[in-house]
Amino acid sequence: MAAKVDKNKCNGCGACKDICPVNAIKIENKKAVINDDCVGCGVCVDQCPNEAISI
């Protein structure tokens, strides 16, 4: 199951992008975007300071 971003909570800080072990996250228009490479590991969920990512 892939991670999802709540665009209302995401501020585009990039913490999730920097920690993603499979490089499945990029920042577009100041929001995180998770692509199909996501393996659902949950590392980004724990790293997000705004609780904007869920599995």
PDB file of N, CA and C in Angstrom:
ATOM      1  N   MET A   1       0.845  -1.183   0.000  1.00  0.00           N
ATOM      2  CA  MET A   1       0.000   0.000   0.000  1.00  0.00           C
ATOM      3  C   MET A   1       0.889   1.243   0.000  1.00  0.00           C
ATOM      4  N   ALA A   2       0.606   2.155  -0.872  1.00  0.00           N
ATOM      5  CA  ALA A   2       1.427   3.353  -1.028  1.00  0.00           C
ATOM      6  C   ALA A   2       1.009   4.449  -0.054  1.00  0.00           C
ATOM      7  N   ALA A   3       1.950   5.332   0.201  1.00  0.00           N
ATOM      8  CA  ALA A   3       1.693   6.489   1.063  1.00  0.00           C
ATOM      9  C   ALA A   3       0.870   7.519   0.294  1.00  0.00           C
ATOM     10  N   LYS A   4       0.110   8.320   1.047  1.00  0.00           N
ATOM     11  CA  LYS A   4      -0.703   9.387   0.464  1.00  0.00           C
ATOM     12  C   LYS A   4      -0.379  10.697   1.166  1.00  0.00           C
ATOM     13  N   VAL A   5      -0.456  11.783   0.424  1.00  0.00           N
ATOM     14  CA  VAL A   5      -0.172  13.111   0.966  1.00  0.00           C
ATOM     15  C   VAL A   5      -1.462  13.905   1.098  1.00  0.00           C
ATOM     16  N   ASP A   6      -1.660  14.491   2.265  1.00  0.00           N
ATOM     17  CA  ASP A   6      -2.757  15.432   2.472  1.00  0.00           C
ATOM     18  C   ASP A   6      -2.235  16.803   2.045  1.00  0.00           C
ATOM     19  N   LYS A   7      -2.668  17.255   0.884  1.00  0.00           N
ATOM     20  CA  LYS A   7      -2.156  18.507   0.313  1.00  0.00           C
ATOM     21  C   LYS A   7      -2.474  19.719   1.191  1.00  0.00           C
ATOM     22  N   ASN A   8      -3.503  19.621   2.021  1.00  0.00           N
ATOM     23  CA  ASN A   8      -3.847  20.737   2.908  1.00  0.00           C
ATOM     24  C   ASN A   8      -2.865  20.870   4.063  1.00  0.00           C
ATOM     25  N   LYS A   9      -2.209  19.778   4.422  1.00  0.00           N
ATOM     26  CA  LYS A   9      -1.254  19.813   5.536  1.00  0.00           C
ATOM     27  C   LYS A   9       0.194  19.967   5.059  1.00  0.00           C
ATOM     28  N   CYS A  10       0.486  19.519   3.846  1.00  0.00           N
ATOM     29  CA  CYS A  10       1.864  19.536   3.327  1.00  0.00           C
ATOM     30  C   CYS A  10       2.318  20.958   3.039  1.00  0.00           C
ATOM     31  N   ASN A  11       3.521  21.299   3.528  1.00  0.00           N
ATOM     32  CA  ASN A  11       4.079  22.624   3.242  1.00  0.00           C
ATOM     33  C   ASN A  11       5.295  22.546   2.316  1.00  0.00           C
ATOM     34  N   GLY A  12       5.572  21.356   1.790  1.00  0.00           N
ATOM     35  CA  GLY A  12       6.656  21.202   0.829  1.00  0.00           C
ATOM     36  C   GLY A  12       8.047  21.286   1.412  1.00  0.00           C
ATOM     37  N   CYS A  13       8.198  20.984   2.690  1.00  0.00           N
ATOM     38  CA  CYS A  13       9.501  21.127   3.348  1.00  0.00           C
ATOM     39  C   CYS A  13      10.557  20.168   2.797  1.00  0.00           C
ATOM     40  N   GLY A  14      10.129  19.023   2.256  1.00  0.00           N
ATOM     41  CA  GLY A  14      11.067  18.077   1.657  1.00  0.00           C
ATOM     42  C   GLY A  14      11.645  17.053   2.605  1.00  0.00           C
ATOM     43  N   ALA A  15      11.232  17.056   3.857  1.00  0.00           N
ATOM     44  CA  ALA A  15      11.762  16.078   4.815  1.00  0.00           C
ATOM     45  C   ALA A  15      11.479  14.652   4.352  1.00  0.00           C
ATOM     46  N   CYS A  16      10.306  14.429   3.798  1.00  0.00           N
ATOM     47  CA  CYS A  16       9.937  13.098   3.309  1.00  0.00           C
ATOM     48  C   CYS A  16      10.783  12.708   2.103  1.00  0.00           C
ATOM     49  N   LYS A  17      10.988  13.647   1.217  1.00  0.00           N
ATOM     50  CA  LYS A  17      11.786  13.408   0.006  1.00  0.00           C
ATOM     51  C   LYS A  17      13.208  13.007   0.379  1.00  0.00           C
ATOM     52  N   ASP A  18      13.775  13.697   1.346  1.00  0.00           N
ATOM     53  CA  ASP A  18      15.160  13.439   1.748  1.00  0.00           C
ATOM     54  C   ASP A  18      15.343  12.075   2.401  1.00  0.00           C
ATOM     55  N   ILE A  19      14.310  11.549   3.052  1.00  0.00           N
ATOM     56  CA  ILE A  19      14.428  10.311   3.815  1.00  0.00           C
ATOM     57  C   ILE A  19      13.961   9.078   3.033  1.00  0.00           C
ATOM     58  N   CYS A  20      13.235   9.260   1.950  1.00  0.00           N
ATOM     59  CA  CYS A  20      12.652   8.131   1.211  1.00  0.00           C
ATOM     60  C   CYS A  20      13.736   7.200   0.667  1.00  0.00           C
ATOM     61  N   PRO A  21      13.708   5.910   1.075  1.00  0.00           N
ATOM     62  CA  PRO A  21      14.763   4.978   0.648  1.00  0.00           C
ATOM     63  C   PRO A  21      14.658   4.545  -0.816  1.00  0.00           C
ATOM     64  N   VAL A  22      13.512   4.773  -1.455  1.00  0.00           N
ATOM     65  CA  VAL A  22      13.357   4.364  -2.859  1.00  0.00           C
ATOM     66  C   VAL A  22      13.163   5.573  -3.791  1.00  0.00           C
ATOM     67  N   ASN A  23      13.404   6.772  -3.278  1.00  0.00           N
ATOM     68  CA  ASN A  23      13.292   8.009  -4.064  1.00  0.00           C
ATOM     69  C   ASN A  23      11.946   8.130  -4.775  1.00  0.00           C
ATOM     70  N   ALA A  24      10.878   7.827  -4.049  1.00  0.00           N
ATOM     71  CA  ALA A  24       9.537   7.853  -4.628  1.00  0.00           C
ATOM     72  C   ALA A  24       8.813   9.184  -4.419  1.00  0.00           C
ATOM     73  N   ILE A  25       9.491  10.154  -3.815  1.00  0.00           N
ATOM     74  CA  ILE A  25       8.826  11.420  -3.490  1.00  0.00           C
ATOM     75  C   ILE A  25       9.578  12.580  -4.138  1.00  0.00           C
ATOM     76  N   LYS A  26       8.805  13.479  -4.737  1.00  0.00           N
ATOM     77  CA  LYS A  26       9.382  14.716  -5.244  1.00  0.00           C
ATOM     78  C   LYS A  26       8.503  15.866  -4.791  1.00  0.00           C
ATOM     79  N   ILE A  27       9.028  17.065  -4.861  1.00  0.00           N
ATOM     80  CA  ILE A  27       8.280  18.253  -4.477  1.00  0.00           C
ATOM     81  C   ILE A  27       7.887  18.983  -5.758  1.00  0.00           C
ATOM     82  N   GLU A  28       6.578  19.158  -5.940  1.00  0.00           N
ATOM     83  CA  GLU A  28       6.052  19.882  -7.094  1.00  0.00           C
ATOM     84  C   GLU A  28       5.072  20.934  -6.593  1.00  0.00           C
ATOM     85  N   ASN A  29       5.246  22.150  -7.057  1.00  0.00           N
ATOM     86  CA  ASN A  29       4.360  23.250  -6.651  1.00  0.00           C
ATOM     87  C   ASN A  29       4.253  23.350  -5.121  1.00  0.00           C
ATOM     88  N   LYS A  30       5.374  23.168  -4.454  1.00  0.00           N
ATOM     89  CA  LYS A  30       5.483  23.282  -2.993  1.00  0.00           C
ATOM     90  C   LYS A  30       4.654  22.251  -2.246  1.00  0.00           C
ATOM     91  N   LYS A  31       4.452  21.086  -2.863  1.00  0.00           N
ATOM     92  CA  LYS A  31       3.739  19.974  -2.223  1.00  0.00           C
ATOM     93  C   LYS A  31       4.466  18.673  -2.557  1.00  0.00           C
ATOM     94  N   ALA A  32       4.445  17.724  -1.626  1.00  0.00           N
ATOM     95  CA  ALA A  32       5.041  16.414  -1.877  1.00  0.00           C
ATOM     96  C   ALA A  32       4.142  15.619  -2.810  1.00  0.00           C
ATOM     97  N   VAL A  33       4.777  14.910  -3.734  1.00  0.00           N
ATOM     98  CA  VAL A  33       4.071  14.034  -4.654  1.00  0.00           C
ATOM     99  C   VAL A  33       4.749  12.669  -4.568  1.00  0.00           C
ATOM    100  N   ILE A  34       3.968  11.630  -4.294  1.00  0.00           N
ATOM    101  CA  ILE A  34       4.502  10.281  -4.141  1.00  0.00           C
ATOM    102  C   ILE A  34       4.152   9.484  -5.390  1.00  0.00           C
ATOM    103  N   ASN A  35       5.178   8.893  -6.028  1.00  0.00           N
ATOM    104  CA  ASN A  35       4.928   8.173  -7.271  1.00  0.00           C
ATOM    105  C   ASN A  35       4.734   6.671  -7.036  1.00  0.00           C
ATOM    106  N   ASP A  36       4.592   5.927  -8.104  1.00  0.00           N
ATOM    107  CA  ASP A  36       4.295   4.498  -8.034  1.00  0.00           C
ATOM    108  C   ASP A  36       5.450   3.646  -7.513  1.00  0.00           C
ATOM    109  N   ASP A  37       6.627   4.241  -7.332  1.00  0.00           N
ATOM    110  CA  ASP A  37       7.768   3.496  -6.780  1.00  0.00           C
ATOM    111  C   ASP A  37       7.639   3.284  -5.276  1.00  0.00           C
ATOM    112  N   CYS A  38       6.690   3.964  -4.642  1.00  0.00           N
ATOM    113  CA  CYS A  38       6.488   3.847  -3.193  1.00  0.00           C
ATOM    114  C   CYS A  38       6.210   2.397  -2.809  1.00  0.00           C
ATOM    115  N   VAL A  39       6.946   1.926  -1.785  1.00  0.00           N
ATOM    116  CA  VAL A  39       6.769   0.554  -1.299  1.00  0.00           C
ATOM    117  C   VAL A  39       5.986   0.510   0.012  1.00  0.00           C
ATOM    118  N   GLY A  40       5.533   1.658   0.491  1.00  0.00           N
ATOM    119  CA  GLY A  40       4.721   1.705   1.699  1.00  0.00           C
ATOM    120  C   GLY A  40       5.476   1.418   2.983  1.00  0.00           C
ATOM    121  N   CYS A  41       6.752   1.757   3.021  1.00  0.00           N
ATOM    122  CA  CYS A  41       7.573   1.447   4.203  1.00  0.00           C
ATOM    123  C   CYS A  41       7.214   2.300   5.420  1.00  0.00           C
ATOM    124  N   GLY A  42       6.664   3.506   5.195  1.00  0.00           N
ATOM    125  CA  GLY A  42       6.240   4.357   6.296  1.00  0.00           C
ATOM    126  C   GLY A  42       7.287   5.286   6.866  1.00  0.00           C
ATOM    127  N   VAL A  43       8.480   5.279   6.329  1.00  0.00           N
ATOM    128  CA  VAL A  43       9.538   6.154   6.840  1.00  0.00           C
ATOM    129  C   VAL A  43       9.133   7.625   6.714  1.00  0.00           C
ATOM    130  N   CYS A  44       8.497   7.969   5.617  1.00  0.00           N
ATOM    131  CA  CYS A  44       8.078   9.354   5.399  1.00  0.00           C
ATOM    132  C   CYS A  44       7.000   9.792   6.382  1.00  0.00           C
ATOM    133  N   VAL A  45       6.143   8.861   6.765  1.00  0.00           N
ATOM    134  CA  VAL A  45       5.074   9.166   7.729  1.00  0.00           C
ATOM    135  C   VAL A  45       5.688   9.646   9.041  1.00  0.00           C
ATOM    136  N   ASP A  46       6.696   8.927   9.507  1.00  0.00           N
ATOM    137  CA  ASP A  46       7.361   9.281  10.766  1.00  0.00           C
ATOM    138  C   ASP A  46       8.163  10.569  10.652  1.00  0.00           C
ATOM    139  N   GLN A  47       8.659  10.875   9.464  1.00  0.00           N
ATOM    140  CA  GLN A  47       9.531  12.034   9.265  1.00  0.00           C
ATOM    141  C   GLN A  47       8.753  13.342   9.089  1.00  0.00           C
ATOM    142  N   CYS A  48       7.510  13.272   8.617  1.00  0.00           N
ATOM    143  CA  CYS A  48       6.764  14.484   8.295  1.00  0.00           C
ATOM    144  C   CYS A  48       6.400  15.272   9.543  1.00  0.00           C
ATOM    145  N   PRO A  49       6.861  16.526   9.632  1.00  0.00           N
ATOM    146  CA  PRO A  49       6.569  17.339  10.814  1.00  0.00           C
ATOM    147  C   PRO A  49       5.116  17.842  10.859  1.00  0.00           C
ATOM    148  N   ASN A  50       4.409  17.747   9.735  1.00  0.00           N
ATOM    149  CA  ASN A  50       3.040  18.258   9.660  1.00  0.00           C
ATOM    150  C   ASN A  50       1.987  17.151   9.638  1.00  0.00           C
ATOM    151  N   GLU A  51       2.418  15.917   9.820  1.00  0.00           N
ATOM    152  CA  GLU A  51       1.511  14.763   9.775  1.00  0.00           C
ATOM    153  C   GLU A  51       0.663  14.770   8.513  1.00  0.00           C
ATOM    154  N   ALA A  52       1.310  15.096   7.389  1.00  0.00           N
ATOM    155  CA  ALA A  52       0.608  15.216   6.116  1.00  0.00           C
ATOM    156  C   ALA A  52       0.626  13.932   5.301  1.00  0.00           C
ATOM    157  N   ILE A  53       1.344  12.910   5.770  1.00  0.00           N
ATOM    158  CA  ILE A  53       1.464  11.667   5.006  1.00  0.00           C
ATOM    159  C   ILE A  53       0.889  10.506   5.808  1.00  0.00           C
ATOM    160  N   SER A  54       0.157   9.657   5.110  1.00  0.00           N
ATOM    161  CA  SER A  54      -0.399   8.461   5.740  1.00  0.00           C
ATOM    162  C   SER A  54      -0.221   7.272   4.810  1.00  0.00           C
ATOM    163  N   ILE A  55      -0.320   6.084   5.385  1.00  0.00           N
ATOM    164  CA  ILE A  55      -0.226   4.848   4.580  1.00  0.00           C
ATOM    165  C   ILE A  55      -1.619   4.260   4.466  1.00  0.00           C
TER     166      ILE A  55
END
